[in-house]
Amino acid sequence: IYIRDHHGAYAESYGKIARVLQREVVGSDEEKTMSNGELLN
């Protein structure tokens, strides 16, 4: 019951922190789009 009530908020917060750190510390919040050719390689 606790997991069902709180998992969604935790997952959302984890993703948000990762995006903010990517933008503010790592340097960019733009995720690389991999082409189908690169994916197959």
PDB file of all heavy atoms in Angstrom:
ATOM      1  N   ILE A   1       0.840  -1.203   0.000  1.00  0.00           N
ATOM      2  CA  ILE A   1       0.000   0.000   0.000  1.00  0.00           C
ATOM      3  C   ILE A   1       0.875   1.255   0.000  1.00  0.00           C
ATOM      4  O   ILE A   1       0.645   2.189  -0.774  1.00  0.00           O
ATOM      5  CB  ILE A   1      -0.954  -0.006   1.213  1.00  0.00           C
ATOM      6  CG1 ILE A   1      -1.955  -1.155   1.087  1.00  0.00           C
ATOM      7  CG2 ILE A   1      -1.684   1.332   1.335  1.00  0.00           C
ATOM      8  CD1 ILE A   1      -2.871  -1.299   2.284  1.00  0.00           C
ATOM      9  N   TYR A   2       1.899   1.263   0.854  1.00  0.00           N
ATOM     10  CA  TYR A   2       2.801   2.424   0.900  1.00  0.00           C
ATOM     11  C   TYR A   2       3.531   2.582  -0.437  1.00  0.00           C
ATOM     12  O   TYR A   2       3.663   3.690  -0.956  1.00  0.00           O
ATOM     13  CB  TYR A   2       3.826   2.265   2.025  1.00  0.00           C
ATOM     14  CG  TYR A   2       4.734   3.482   2.168  1.00  0.00           C
ATOM     15  CD1 TYR A   2       4.403   4.513   3.042  1.00  0.00           C
ATOM     16  CD2 TYR A   2       5.897   3.600   1.404  1.00  0.00           C
ATOM     17  CE1 TYR A   2       5.212   5.631   3.159  1.00  0.00           C
ATOM     18  CE2 TYR A   2       6.709   4.712   1.515  1.00  0.00           C
ATOM     19  CZ  TYR A   2       6.363   5.730   2.389  1.00  0.00           C
ATOM     20  OH  TYR A   2       7.162   6.844   2.479  1.00  0.00           O
ATOM     21  N   ILE A   3       3.990   1.469  -0.993  1.00  0.00           N
ATOM     22  CA  ILE A   3       4.723   1.539  -2.260  1.00  0.00           C
ATOM     23  C   ILE A   3       3.831   2.095  -3.364  1.00  0.00           C
ATOM     24  O   ILE A   3       4.250   2.960  -4.139  1.00  0.00           O
ATOM     25  CB  ILE A   3       5.273   0.148  -2.635  1.00  0.00           C
ATOM     26  CG1 ILE A   3       6.361  -0.270  -1.632  1.00  0.00           C
ATOM     27  CG2 ILE A   3       5.851   0.161  -4.053  1.00  0.00           C
ATOM     28  CD1 ILE A   3       6.861  -1.687  -1.822  1.00  0.00           C
ATOM     29  N   ARG A   4       2.591   1.617  -3.444  1.00  0.00           N
ATOM     30  CA  ARG A   4       1.667   2.113  -4.470  1.00  0.00           C
ATOM     31  C   ARG A   4       1.407   3.616  -4.301  1.00  0.00           C
ATOM     32  O   ARG A   4       1.287   4.354  -5.272  1.00  0.00           O
ATOM     33  CB  ARG A   4       0.339   1.359  -4.401  1.00  0.00           C
ATOM     34  CG  ARG A   4       0.427  -0.104  -4.834  1.00  0.00           C
ATOM     35  CD  ARG A   4      -0.960  -0.720  -4.943  1.00  0.00           C
ATOM     36  NE  ARG A   4      -0.884  -2.154  -5.182  1.00  0.00           N
ATOM     37  CZ  ARG A   4      -1.176  -3.079  -4.272  1.00  0.00           C
ATOM     38  NH1 ARG A   4      -1.577  -2.704  -3.066  1.00  0.00           N
ATOM     39  NH2 ARG A   4      -1.091  -4.361  -4.550  1.00  0.00           N
ATOM     40  N   ASP A   5       1.334   4.067  -3.042  1.00  0.00           N
ATOM     41  CA  ASP A   5       1.021   5.472  -2.772  1.00  0.00           C
ATOM     42  C   ASP A   5       2.195   6.413  -3.031  1.00  0.00           C
ATOM     43  O   ASP A   5       1.996   7.606  -3.291  1.00  0.00           O
ATOM     44  CB  ASP A   5       0.564   5.643  -1.315  1.00  0.00           C
ATOM     45  CG  ASP A   5      -0.820   5.060  -1.061  1.00  0.00           C
ATOM     46  OD1 ASP A   5      -1.534   4.798  -2.059  1.00  0.00           O
ATOM     47  OD2 ASP A   5      -1.180   4.864   0.107  1.00  0.00           O
ATOM     48  N   HIS A   6       3.434   5.903  -2.957  1.00  0.00           N
ATOM     49  CA  HIS A   6       4.588   6.796  -2.987  1.00  0.00           C
ATOM     50  C   HIS A   6       5.564   6.547  -4.138  1.00  0.00           C
ATOM     51  O   HIS A   6       6.440   7.382  -4.387  1.00  0.00           O
ATOM     52  CB  HIS A   6       5.366   6.691  -1.658  1.00  0.00           C
ATOM     53  CG  HIS A   6       4.591   7.180  -0.472  1.00  0.00           C
ATOM     54  ND1 HIS A   6       3.684   6.390   0.205  1.00  0.00           N
ATOM     55  CD2 HIS A   6       4.573   8.390   0.137  1.00  0.00           C
ATOM     56  CE1 HIS A   6       3.156   7.078   1.193  1.00  0.00           C
ATOM     57  NE2 HIS A   6       3.660   8.292   1.183  1.00  0.00           N
ATOM     58  N   HIS A   7       5.438   5.427  -4.832  1.00  0.00           N
ATOM     59  CA  HIS A   7       6.392   5.122  -5.910  1.00  0.00           C
ATOM     60  C   HIS A   7       6.372   6.188  -7.004  1.00  0.00           C
ATOM     61  O   HIS A   7       7.428   6.643  -7.461  1.00  0.00           O
ATOM     62  CB  HIS A   7       6.086   3.749  -6.517  1.00  0.00           C
ATOM     63  CG  HIS A   7       6.863   3.481  -7.773  1.00  0.00           C
ATOM     64  ND1 HIS A   7       8.153   3.004  -7.776  1.00  0.00           N
ATOM     65  CD2 HIS A   7       6.526   3.664  -9.094  1.00  0.00           C
ATOM     66  CE1 HIS A   7       8.581   2.903  -9.026  1.00  0.00           C
ATOM     67  NE2 HIS A   7       7.616   3.287  -9.844  1.00  0.00           N
ATOM     68  N   GLY A   8       5.183   6.596  -7.432  1.00  0.00           N
ATOM     69  CA  GLY A   8       5.074   7.551  -8.535  1.00  0.00           C
ATOM     70  C   GLY A   8       5.749   8.868  -8.223  1.00  0.00           C
ATOM     71  O   GLY A   8       6.485   9.424  -9.069  1.00  0.00           O
ATOM     72  N   ALA A   9       5.542   9.394  -7.007  1.00  0.00           N
ATOM     73  CA  ALA A   9       6.159  10.667  -6.624  1.00  0.00           C
ATOM     74  C   ALA A   9       7.675  10.542  -6.571  1.00  0.00           C
ATOM     75  O   ALA A   9       8.405  11.461  -6.983  1.00  0.00           O
ATOM     76  CB  ALA A   9       5.623  11.122  -5.267  1.00  0.00           C
ATOM     77  N   TYR A  10       8.151   9.387  -6.083  1.00  0.00           N
ATOM     78  CA  TYR A  10       9.606   9.182  -6.023  1.00  0.00           C
ATOM     79  C   TYR A  10      10.212   9.120  -7.423  1.00  0.00           C
ATOM     80  O   TYR A  10      11.230   9.766  -7.700  1.00  0.00           O
ATOM     81  CB  TYR A  10       9.928   7.894  -5.265  1.00  0.00           C
ATOM     82  CG  TYR A  10      11.377   7.505  -5.370  1.00  0.00           C
ATOM     83  CD1 TYR A  10      12.360   8.247  -4.725  1.00  0.00           C
ATOM     84  CD2 TYR A  10      11.770   6.425  -6.153  1.00  0.00           C
ATOM     85  CE1 TYR A  10      13.703   7.911  -4.848  1.00  0.00           C
ATOM     86  CE2 TYR A  10      13.098   6.080  -6.281  1.00  0.00           C
ATOM     87  CZ  TYR A  10      14.064   6.820  -5.623  1.00  0.00           C
ATOM     88  OH  TYR A  10      15.386   6.495  -5.752  1.00  0.00           O
ATOM     89  N   ALA A  11       9.596   8.341  -8.303  1.00  0.00           N
ATOM     90  CA  ALA A  11      10.121   8.219  -9.669  1.00  0.00           C
ATOM     91  C   ALA A  11      10.129   9.574 -10.373  1.00  0.00           C
ATOM     92  O   ALA A  11      11.086   9.916 -11.077  1.00  0.00           O
ATOM     93  CB  ALA A  11       9.285   7.209 -10.464  1.00  0.00           C
ATOM     94  N   GLU A  12       9.087  10.354 -10.173  1.00  0.00           N
ATOM     95  CA  GLU A  12       9.025  11.690 -10.781  1.00  0.00           C
ATOM     96  C   GLU A  12      10.124  12.590 -10.226  1.00  0.00           C
ATOM     97  O   GLU A  12      10.782  13.315 -10.983  1.00  0.00           O
ATOM     98  CB  GLU A  12       7.653  12.310 -10.509  1.00  0.00           C
ATOM     99  CG  GLU A  12       7.465  13.683 -11.154  1.00  0.00           C
ATOM    100  CD  GLU A  12       6.099  14.270 -10.882  1.00  0.00           C
ATOM    101  OE1 GLU A  12       5.231  13.556 -10.345  1.00  0.00           O
ATOM    102  OE2 GLU A  12       5.895  15.462 -11.204  1.00  0.00           O
ATOM    103  N   SER A  13      10.347  12.538  -8.915  1.00  0.00           N
ATOM    104  CA  SER A  13      11.389  13.367  -8.298  1.00  0.00           C
ATOM    105  C   SER A  13      12.780  12.952  -8.765  1.00  0.00           C
ATOM    106  O   SER A  13      13.647  13.801  -9.007  1.00  0.00           O
ATOM    107  CB  SER A  13      11.302  13.263  -6.767  1.00  0.00           C
ATOM    108  OG  SER A  13      10.080  13.776  -6.295  1.00  0.00           O
ATOM    109  N   TYR A  14      13.004  11.642  -8.892  1.00  0.00           N
ATOM    110  CA  TYR A  14      14.307  11.143  -9.339  1.00  0.00           C
ATOM    111  C   TYR A  14      14.614  11.647 -10.747  1.00  0.00           C
ATOM    112  O   TYR A  14      15.705  12.149 -11.026  1.00  0.00           O
ATOM    113  CB  TYR A  14      14.314   9.621  -9.310  1.00  0.00           C
ATOM    114  CG  TYR A  14      15.686   8.992  -9.323  1.00  0.00           C
ATOM    115  CD1 TYR A  14      16.303   8.617  -8.139  1.00  0.00           C
ATOM    116  CD2 TYR A  14      16.362   8.755 -10.518  1.00  0.00           C
ATOM    117  CE1 TYR A  14      17.558   8.026  -8.143  1.00  0.00           C
ATOM    118  CE2 TYR A  14      17.609   8.169 -10.531  1.00  0.00           C
ATOM    119  CZ  TYR A  14      18.212   7.805  -9.333  1.00  0.00           C
ATOM    120  OH  TYR A  14      19.455   7.233  -9.348  1.00  0.00           O
ATOM    121  N   GLY A  15      13.627  11.531 -11.627  1.00  0.00           N
ATOM    122  CA  GLY A  15      13.815  12.008 -12.996  1.00  0.00           C
ATOM    123  C   GLY A  15      14.038  13.505 -13.057  1.00  0.00           C
ATOM    124  O   GLY A  15      14.865  13.992 -13.830  1.00  0.00           O
ATOM    125  N   LYS A  16      13.301  14.256 -12.234  1.00  0.00           N
ATOM    126  CA  LYS A  16      13.434  15.715 -12.224  1.00  0.00           C
ATOM    127  C   LYS A  16      14.824  16.132 -11.757  1.00  0.00           C
ATOM    128  O   LYS A  16      15.471  16.991 -12.378  1.00  0.00           O
ATOM    129  CB  LYS A  16      12.375  16.332 -11.315  1.00  0.00           C
ATOM    130  CG  LYS A  16      12.443  17.852 -11.240  1.00  0.00           C
ATOM    131  CD  LYS A  16      11.358  18.411 -10.330  1.00  0.00           C
ATOM    132  CE  LYS A  16      11.473  19.929 -10.220  1.00  0.00           C
ATOM    133  NZ  LYS A  16      10.438  20.478  -9.297  1.00  0.00           N
ATOM    134  N   ILE A  17      15.312  15.525 -10.666  1.00  0.00           N
ATOM    135  CA  ILE A  17      16.649  15.842 -10.161  1.00  0.00           C
ATOM    136  C   ILE A  17      17.705  15.533 -11.214  1.00  0.00           C
ATOM    137  O   ILE A  17      18.649  16.308 -11.427  1.00  0.00           O
ATOM    138  CB  ILE A  17      16.938  15.049  -8.873  1.00  0.00           C
ATOM    139  CG1 ILE A  17      16.159  15.629  -7.694  1.00  0.00           C
ATOM    140  CG2 ILE A  17      18.429  15.038  -8.552  1.00  0.00           C
ATOM    141  CD1 ILE A  17      16.682  16.951  -7.169  1.00  0.00           C
ATOM    142  N   ALA A  18      17.546  14.399 -11.903  1.00  0.00           N
ATOM    143  CA  ALA A  18      18.520  14.025 -12.938  1.00  0.00           C
ATOM    144  C   ALA A  18      18.532  15.054 -14.065  1.00  0.00           C
ATOM    145  O   ALA A  18      19.602  15.435 -14.563  1.00  0.00           O
ATOM    146  CB  ALA A  18      18.202  12.635 -13.484  1.00  0.00           C
ATOM    147  N   ARG A  19      17.351  15.531 -14.471  1.00  0.00           N
ATOM    148  CA  ARG A  19      17.288  16.519 -15.554  1.00  0.00           C
ATOM    149  C   ARG A  19      17.903  17.852 -15.128  1.00  0.00           C
ATOM    150  O   ARG A  19      18.629  18.484 -15.911  1.00  0.00           O
ATOM    151  CB  ARG A  19      15.838  16.719 -15.996  1.00  0.00           C
ATOM    152  CG  ARG A  19      15.243  15.529 -16.745  1.00  0.00           C
ATOM    153  CD  ARG A  19      13.911  15.863 -17.378  1.00  0.00           C
ATOM    154  NE  ARG A  19      12.884  16.183 -16.395  1.00  0.00           N
ATOM    155  CZ  ARG A  19      12.109  15.279 -15.803  1.00  0.00           C
ATOM    156  NH1 ARG A  19      12.255  13.987 -16.095  1.00  0.00           N
ATOM    157  NH2 ARG A  19      11.182  15.645 -14.939  1.00  0.00           N
ATOM    158  N   VAL A  20      17.639  18.272 -13.899  1.00  0.00           N
ATOM    159  CA  VAL A  20      18.191  19.540 -13.412  1.00  0.00           C
ATOM    160  C   VAL A  20      19.713  19.456 -13.299  1.00  0.00           C
ATOM    161  O   VAL A  20      20.433  20.374 -13.705  1.00  0.00           O
ATOM    162  CB  VAL A  20      17.563  19.921 -12.058  1.00  0.00           C
ATOM    163  CG1 VAL A  20      18.278  21.121 -11.455  1.00  0.00           C
ATOM    164  CG2 VAL A  20      16.081  20.228 -12.221  1.00  0.00           C
ATOM    165  N   LEU A  21      20.213  18.353 -12.765  1.00  0.00           N
ATOM    166  CA  LEU A  21      21.667  18.181 -12.645  1.00  0.00           C
ATOM    167  C   LEU A  21      22.314  18.110 -14.024  1.00  0.00           C
ATOM    168  O   LEU A  21      23.420  18.629 -14.232  1.00  0.00           O
ATOM    169  CB  LEU A  21      21.980  16.915 -11.849  1.00  0.00           C
ATOM    170  CG  LEU A  21      21.721  16.996 -10.344  1.00  0.00           C
ATOM    171  CD1 LEU A  21      21.910  15.624  -9.702  1.00  0.00           C
ATOM    172  CD2 LEU A  21      22.644  18.011  -9.683  1.00  0.00           C
ATOM    173  N   GLN A  22      21.647  17.465 -14.962  1.00  0.00           N
ATOM    174  CA  GLN A  22      22.170  17.409 -16.326  1.00  0.00           C
ATOM    175  C   GLN A  22      22.324  18.809 -16.896  1.00  0.00           C
ATOM    176  O   GLN A  22      23.350  19.150 -17.488  1.00  0.00           O
ATOM    177  CB  GLN A  22      21.223  16.589 -17.200  1.00  0.00           C
ATOM    178  CG  GLN A  22      21.625  16.481 -18.665  1.00  0.00           C
ATOM    179  CD  GLN A  22      22.773  15.531 -18.890  1.00  0.00           C
ATOM    180  OE1 GLN A  22      22.869  14.516 -18.205  1.00  0.00           O
ATOM    181  NE2 GLN A  22      23.640  15.823 -19.825  1.00  0.00           N
ATOM    182  N   ARG A  23      21.317  19.633 -16.691  1.00  0.00           N
ATOM    183  CA  ARG A  23      21.330  20.985 -17.243  1.00  0.00           C
ATOM    184  C   ARG A  23      22.306  21.906 -16.510  1.00  0.00           C
ATOM    185  O   ARG A  23      23.083  22.616 -17.138  1.00  0.00           O
ATOM    186  CB  ARG A  23      19.921  21.576 -17.178  1.00  0.00           C
ATOM    187  CG  ARG A  23      19.820  22.980 -17.779  1.00  0.00           C
ATOM    188  CD  ARG A  23      18.387  23.487 -17.751  1.00  0.00           C
ATOM    189  NE  ARG A  23      17.899  23.705 -16.397  1.00  0.00           N
ATOM    190  CZ  ARG A  23      16.945  22.990 -15.824  1.00  0.00           C
ATOM    191  NH1 ARG A  23      16.363  22.002 -16.479  1.00  0.00           N
ATOM    192  NH2 ARG A  23      16.547  23.238 -14.586  1.00  0.00           N
ATOM    193  N   GLU A  24      22.300  21.861 -15.164  1.00  0.00           N
ATOM    194  CA  GLU A  24      23.050  22.832 -14.380  1.00  0.00           C
ATOM    195  C   GLU A  24      24.509  22.443 -14.151  1.00  0.00           C
ATOM    196  O   GLU A  24      25.361  23.316 -13.969  1.00  0.00           O
ATOM    197  CB  GLU A  24      22.371  23.041 -13.018  1.00  0.00           C
ATOM    198  CG  GLU A  24      20.944  23.556 -13.102  1.00  0.00           C
ATOM    199  CD  GLU A  24      20.861  24.955 -13.681  1.00  0.00           C
ATOM    200  OE1 GLU A  24      21.857  25.696 -13.605  1.00  0.00           O
ATOM    201  OE2 GLU A  24      19.800  25.318 -14.223  1.00  0.00           O
ATOM    202  N   VAL A  25      24.804  21.137 -14.127  1.00  0.00           N
ATOM    203  CA  VAL A  25      26.156  20.693 -13.779  1.00  0.00           C
ATOM    204  C   VAL A  25      26.869  20.020 -14.943  1.00  0.00           C
ATOM    205  O   VAL A  25      28.000  20.363 -15.278  1.00  0.00           O
ATOM    206  CB  VAL A  25      26.118  19.740 -12.566  1.00  0.00           C
ATOM    207  CG1 VAL A  25      27.528  19.287 -12.188  1.00  0.00           C
ATOM    208  CG2 VAL A  25      25.442  20.417 -11.379  1.00  0.00           C
ATOM    209  N   VAL A  26      26.192  19.060 -15.570  1.00  0.00           N
ATOM    210  CA  VAL A  26      26.836  18.324 -16.675  1.00  0.00           C
ATOM    211  C   VAL A  26      26.946  19.199 -17.911  1.00  0.00           C
ATOM    212  O   VAL A  26      27.933  19.164 -18.636  1.00  0.00           O
ATOM    213  CB  VAL A  26      26.074  17.025 -16.977  1.00  0.00           C
ATOM    214  CG1 VAL A  26      26.725  16.276 -18.136  1.00  0.00           C
ATOM    215  CG2 VAL A  26      26.025  16.142 -15.736  1.00  0.00           C
ATOM    216  N   GLY A  27      25.904  20.023 -18.170  1.00  0.00           N
ATOM    217  CA  GLY A  27      26.069  20.976 -19.254  1.00  0.00           C
ATOM    218  C   GLY A  27      24.940  21.095 -20.230  1.00  0.00           C
ATOM    219  O   GLY A  27      24.843  22.078 -20.935  1.00  0.00           O
ATOM    220  N   SER A  28      24.058  20.091 -20.310  1.00  0.00           N
ATOM    221  CA  SER A  28      22.968  20.174 -21.275  1.00  0.00           C
ATOM    222  C   SER A  28      21.838  19.277 -20.830  1.00  0.00           C
ATOM    223  O   SER A  28      22.066  18.211 -20.271  1.00  0.00           O
ATOM    224  CB  SER A  28      23.437  19.755 -22.675  1.00  0.00           C
ATOM    225  OG  SER A  28      22.342  19.646 -23.549  1.00  0.00           O
ATOM    226  N   ASP A  29      20.604  19.700 -21.058  1.00  0.00           N
ATOM    227  CA  ASP A  29      19.463  18.841 -20.742  1.00  0.00           C
ATOM    228  C   ASP A  29      18.866  18.218 -21.999  1.00  0.00           C
ATOM    229  O   ASP A  29      17.804  17.638 -21.977  1.00  0.00           O
ATOM    230  CB  ASP A  29      18.375  19.629 -20.005  1.00  0.00           C
ATOM    231  CG  ASP A  29      17.810  20.767 -20.842  1.00  0.00           C
ATOM    232  OD1 ASP A  29      18.385  21.041 -21.906  1.00  0.00           O
ATOM    233  OD2 ASP A  29      16.797  21.365 -20.430  1.00  0.00           O
ATOM    234  N   GLU A  30      19.603  18.343 -23.112  1.00  0.00           N
ATOM    235  CA  GLU A  30      19.104  17.758 -24.354  1.00  0.00           C
ATOM    236  C   GLU A  30      19.562  16.311 -24.460  1.00  0.00           C
ATOM    237  O   GLU A  30      20.742  16.012 -24.460  1.00  0.00           O
ATOM    238  CB  GLU A  30      19.629  18.557 -25.558  1.00  0.00           C
ATOM    239  CG  GLU A  30      19.070  19.969 -25.636  1.00  0.00           C
ATOM    240  CD  GLU A  30      19.577  20.698 -26.857  1.00  0.00           C
ATOM    241  OE1 GLU A  30      20.310  20.068 -27.656  1.00  0.00           O
ATOM    242  OE2 GLU A  30      19.257  21.878 -27.018  1.00  0.00           O
ATOM    243  N   GLU A  31      18.615  15.413 -24.536  1.00  0.00           N
ATOM    244  CA  GLU A  31      18.928  13.999 -24.639  1.00  0.00           C
ATOM    245  C   GLU A  31      19.303  13.664 -26.083  1.00  0.00           C
ATOM    246  O   GLU A  31      18.651  14.104 -27.019  1.00  0.00           O
ATOM    247  CB  GLU A  31      17.713  13.194 -24.199  1.00  0.00           C
ATOM    248  CG  GLU A  31      18.002  11.730 -23.985  1.00  0.00           C
ATOM    249  CD  GLU A  31      16.784  11.033 -23.399  1.00  0.00           C
ATOM    250  OE1 GLU A  31      15.671  11.282 -23.902  1.00  0.00           O
ATOM    251  OE2 GLU A  31      16.938  10.264 -22.448  1.00  0.00           O
ATOM    252  N   LYS A  32      20.333  12.891 -26.245  1.00  0.00           N
ATOM    253  CA  LYS A  32      20.781  12.493 -27.574  1.00  0.00           C
ATOM    254  C   LYS A  32      19.756  11.562 -28.204  1.00  0.00           C
ATOM    255  O   LYS A  32      19.279  10.619 -27.575  1.00  0.00           O
ATOM    256  CB  LYS A  32      22.131  11.773 -27.463  1.00  0.00           C
ATOM    257  CG  LYS A  32      22.595  11.162 -28.779  1.00  0.00           C
ATOM    258  CD  LYS A  32      23.810  10.290 -28.559  1.00  0.00           C
ATOM    259  CE  LYS A  32      24.179   9.537 -29.827  1.00  0.00           C
ATOM    260  NZ  LYS A  32      25.304   8.589 -29.607  1.00  0.00           N
ATOM    261  N   THR A  33      19.407  11.848 -29.456  1.00  0.00           N
ATOM    262  CA  THR A  33      18.519  10.959 -30.208  1.00  0.00           C
ATOM    263  C   THR A  33      19.375  10.061 -31.089  1.00  0.00           C
ATOM    264  O   THR A  33      20.122  10.538 -31.941  1.00  0.00           O
ATOM    265  CB  THR A  33      17.529  11.758 -31.066  1.00  0.00           C
ATOM    266  OG1 THR A  33      16.727  12.579 -30.218  1.00  0.00           O
ATOM    267  CG2 THR A  33      16.637  10.814 -31.849  1.00  0.00           C
ATOM    268  N   MET A  34      19.276   8.772 -30.869  1.00  0.00           N
ATOM    269  CA  MET A  34      20.076   7.814 -31.628  1.00  0.00           C
ATOM    270  C   MET A  34      19.290   7.382 -32.865  1.00  0.00           C
ATOM    271  O   MET A  34      18.137   6.964 -32.770  1.00  0.00           O
ATOM    272  CB  MET A  34      20.411   6.598 -30.760  1.00  0.00           C
ATOM    273  CG  MET A  34      21.329   5.590 -31.445  1.00  0.00           C
ATOM    274  SD  MET A  34      21.772   4.188 -30.360  1.00  0.00           S
ATOM    275  CE  MET A  34      22.817   5.003 -29.153  1.00  0.00           C
ATOM    276  N   SER A  35      19.922   7.491 -34.030  1.00  0.00           N
ATOM    277  CA  SER A  35      19.271   7.086 -35.271  1.00  0.00           C
ATOM    278  C   SER A  35      19.142   5.569 -35.317  1.00  0.00           C
ATOM    279  O   SER A  35      19.842   4.850 -34.595  1.00  0.00           O
ATOM    280  CB  SER A  35      20.084   7.568 -36.475  1.00  0.00           C
ATOM    281  OG  SER A  35      21.310   6.863 -36.558  1.00  0.00           O
ATOM    282  N   ASN A  36      18.256   5.083 -36.181  1.00  0.00           N
ATOM    283  CA  ASN A  36      18.093   3.636 -36.323  1.00  0.00           C
ATOM    284  C   ASN A  36      19.380   2.976 -36.797  1.00  0.00           C
ATOM    285  O   ASN A  36      19.709   1.854 -36.391  1.00  0.00           O
ATOM    286  CB  ASN A  36      16.957   3.331 -37.296  1.00  0.00           C
ATOM    287  CG  ASN A  36      15.590   3.591 -36.683  1.00  0.00           C
ATOM    288  OD1 ASN A  36      15.464   3.706 -35.464  1.00  0.00           O
ATOM    289  ND2 ASN A  36      14.566   3.697 -37.521  1.00  0.00           N
ATOM    290  N   GLY A  37      20.132   3.693 -37.650  1.00  0.00           N
ATOM    291  CA  GLY A  37      21.402   3.144 -38.139  1.00  0.00           C
ATOM    292  C   GLY A  37      22.400   2.972 -36.997  1.00  0.00           C
ATOM    293  O   GLY A  37      23.068   1.932 -36.892  1.00  0.00           O
ATOM    294  N   GLU A  38      22.515   4.002 -36.137  1.00  0.00           N
ATOM    295  CA  GLU A  38      23.420   3.905 -34.986  1.00  0.00           C
ATOM    296  C   GLU A  38      22.977   2.789 -34.044  1.00  0.00           C
ATOM    297  O   GLU A  38      23.811   2.043 -33.504  1.00  0.00           O
ATOM    298  CB  GLU A  38      23.441   5.230 -34.227  1.00  0.00           C
ATOM    299  CG  GLU A  38      24.112   6.377 -34.967  1.00  0.00           C
ATOM    300  CD  GLU A  38      23.996   7.676 -34.192  1.00  0.00           C
ATOM    301  OE1 GLU A  38      22.848   8.111 -33.939  1.00  0.00           O
ATOM    302  OE2 GLU A  38      25.047   8.238 -33.811  1.00  0.00           O
ATOM    303  N   LEU A  39      21.660   2.683 -33.852  1.00  0.00           N
ATOM    304  CA  LEU A  39      21.137   1.645 -32.967  1.00  0.00           C
ATOM    305  C   LEU A  39      21.480   0.257 -33.494  1.00  0.00           C
ATOM    306  O   LEU A  39      21.916  -0.620 -32.734  1.00  0.00           O
ATOM    307  CB  LEU A  39      19.627   1.808 -32.824  1.00  0.00           C
ATOM    308  CG  LEU A  39      18.895   0.731 -32.012  1.00  0.00           C
ATOM    309  CD1 LEU A  39      19.463   0.635 -30.594  1.00  0.00           C
ATOM    310  CD2 LEU A  39      17.397   1.014 -31.967  1.00  0.00           C
ATOM    311  N   LEU A  40      21.327   0.050 -34.777  1.00  0.00           N
ATOM    312  CA  LEU A  40      21.634  -1.263 -35.366  1.00  0.00           C
ATOM    313  C   LEU A  40      23.115  -1.582 -35.259  1.00  0.00           C
ATOM    314  O   LEU A  40      23.498  -2.737 -35.015  1.00  0.00           O
ATOM    315  CB  LEU A  40      21.164  -1.305 -36.820  1.00  0.00           C
ATOM    316  CG  LEU A  40      19.637  -1.257 -37.020  1.00  0.00           C
ATOM    317  CD1 LEU A  40      19.300  -1.220 -38.502  1.00  0.00           C
ATOM    318  CD2 LEU A  40      18.955  -2.430 -36.345  1.00  0.00           C
ATOM    319  N   ASN A  41      23.973  -0.570 -35.454  1.00  0.00           N
ATOM    320  CA  ASN A  41      25.425  -0.784 -35.298  1.00  0.00           C
ATOM    321  C   ASN A  41      25.762  -1.187 -33.862  1.00  0.00           C
ATOM    322  O   ASN A  41      26.557  -2.106 -33.616  1.00  0.00           O
ATOM    323  CB  ASN A  41      26.195   0.483 -35.674  1.00  0.00           C
ATOM    324  CG  ASN A  41      26.218   0.724 -37.168  1.00  0.00           C
ATOM    325  OD1 ASN A  41      26.072  -0.218 -37.956  1.00  0.00           O
ATOM    326  ND2 ASN A  41      26.389   1.960 -37.573  1.00  0.00           N
TER     327      ASN A  41
END
